[in-house]
Protein backbone atom coordinates (compact mmCIF):
# COMPACT_ATOMS: atom_id res chain seq x y z
CA MET A 1 -13.41 -101.44 -4.20
CA ILE A 2 -16.72 -102.85 -4.58
CA THR A 3 -17.58 -105.49 -2.42
CA ILE A 4 -20.41 -108.09 -3.12
CA LYS A 5 -21.44 -111.39 -1.33
CA ARG A 6 -20.58 -114.84 -3.17
CA GLY A 7 -23.74 -115.72 -5.17
CA ASP A 8 -25.40 -112.51 -5.71
CA THR A 9 -26.26 -112.13 -9.16
CA ALA A 10 -28.91 -109.11 -8.52
CA ARG A 11 -26.47 -106.53 -8.44
CA LYS A 12 -24.86 -104.77 -11.46
CA LEU A 13 -21.65 -102.94 -11.93
CA THR A 14 -22.52 -99.84 -13.66
CA ASP A 15 -19.94 -96.77 -14.27
CA THR A 16 -19.49 -93.42 -16.23
CA LEU A 17 -16.28 -94.13 -18.59
CA LYS A 18 -14.17 -90.86 -18.50
CA ILE A 19 -11.04 -89.47 -19.43
CA ASN A 20 -9.41 -86.41 -18.23
CA GLY A 21 -12.76 -85.89 -16.10
CA GLN A 22 -15.12 -85.90 -19.24
CA ALA A 23 -17.45 -88.92 -20.01
CA ILE A 24 -16.42 -90.37 -23.17
CA ASP A 25 -18.88 -90.56 -26.32
CA LEU A 26 -19.53 -94.52 -26.90
CA THR A 27 -21.63 -93.82 -29.97
CA GLY A 28 -20.89 -96.55 -32.19
CA ALA A 29 -18.22 -98.07 -29.96
CA THR A 30 -18.25 -101.76 -28.15
CA VAL A 31 -17.13 -102.22 -24.34
CA ILE A 32 -15.99 -105.21 -22.76
CA LEU A 33 -15.39 -105.67 -19.18
CA VAL A 34 -11.95 -107.27 -18.67
CA TRP A 35 -11.89 -109.64 -15.93
CA SER A 36 -8.62 -110.78 -14.11
CA ASP A 37 -8.62 -113.21 -11.22
CA LYS A 38 -5.83 -115.24 -9.93
CA GLU A 39 -6.08 -118.03 -12.52
CA SER A 40 -7.27 -116.28 -15.89
CA VAL A 41 -8.29 -113.34 -17.71
CA LYS A 42 -11.81 -113.10 -19.12
CA ARG A 43 -13.49 -110.85 -21.60
CA LYS A 44 -17.51 -109.82 -20.83
CA ASP A 45 -19.83 -108.18 -23.12
CA ALA A 46 -20.79 -104.67 -21.23
CA ASP A 47 -24.16 -102.99 -21.87
CA ILE A 48 -24.16 -99.55 -23.02
CA LEU A 49 -26.84 -97.68 -21.29
CA ASP A 50 -26.17 -94.02 -22.38
CA ALA A 51 -23.51 -93.83 -25.34
CA PRO A 52 -23.42 -90.11 -25.42
CA ASN A 53 -22.81 -89.85 -21.66
CA GLY A 54 -20.28 -92.95 -21.32
CA LYS A 55 -22.65 -94.78 -19.16
CA VAL A 56 -22.14 -98.71 -19.10
CA SER A 57 -23.42 -101.62 -16.79
CA TYR A 58 -22.47 -105.57 -16.42
CA SER A 59 -24.86 -107.81 -15.02
CA PHE A 60 -22.88 -110.64 -12.93
CA THR A 61 -23.53 -114.15 -13.74
CA THR A 62 -23.75 -117.10 -11.49
CA ALA A 63 -20.35 -118.23 -12.65
CA ASP A 64 -18.98 -114.74 -11.99
CA VAL A 65 -19.45 -114.70 -8.24
CA THR A 66 -19.18 -118.55 -7.29
CA ASP A 67 -15.74 -118.19 -5.66
CA VAL A 68 -14.58 -115.90 -3.04
CA ASP A 69 -11.70 -113.85 -4.61
CA GLU A 70 -10.46 -110.48 -5.44
CA ILE A 71 -10.73 -109.22 -8.99
CA LYS A 72 -9.07 -106.55 -11.02
CA LEU A 73 -11.59 -105.17 -13.50
CA GLU A 74 -11.27 -102.59 -16.34
CA TRP A 75 -13.54 -101.46 -19.17
CA GLU A 76 -11.98 -101.89 -23.01
CA ILE A 77 -13.65 -99.73 -25.29
CA THR A 78 -13.38 -100.29 -28.97
CA PHE A 79 -14.48 -97.29 -31.07
CA VAL A 80 -15.94 -97.22 -34.92
CA ASP A 81 -12.61 -96.39 -36.22
CA SER A 82 -11.02 -99.37 -34.18
CA THR A 83 -8.78 -97.77 -32.00
CA VAL A 84 -8.88 -99.14 -28.20
CA LEU A 85 -9.17 -97.30 -25.22
CA THR A 86 -8.98 -99.08 -21.66
CA VAL A 87 -10.45 -97.49 -18.62
CA PRO A 88 -9.49 -96.60 -16.00
CA THR A 89 -6.10 -95.56 -17.25
CA ILE A 90 -4.54 -95.60 -14.12
CA ASN A 91 -4.91 -98.80 -11.77
CA TYR A 92 -7.89 -100.95 -11.80
CA ILE A 93 -11.56 -101.41 -10.48
CA LEU A 94 -11.07 -103.88 -7.36
CA LEU A 95 -14.29 -106.18 -6.81
CA LYS A 96 -14.00 -108.36 -3.77
CA ILE A 97 -16.29 -111.39 -3.61
CA VAL A 98 -16.93 -112.32 0.07
CA ASN A 99 -18.78 -115.30 1.65
CA ASP A 100 -22.02 -115.31 2.38
CA LEU A 101 -23.44 -117.15 5.69
CA GLY A 102 -25.63 -119.66 3.67
């Protein structure tokens, strides 16, 4: 689980996308962060940092971290041949946004 404070936008979500323990080559692919909270499912463009080694990131926006919540996340990869793979393949990445003191 990843925990951040409400309103914090300086932290990035970074990940190395893997399947069967091996980094996924993202060359030519697009990656979307799929975000599911209690109200809706959102799709957010991710940045590919190192395509051959499967490294991606997402920078939180103010709108992302306004509400205290627990959110399920997953990465959706669309490859050059239009096939799709969702990572992680089991469960989700959990993001917990907790209240700040201010």
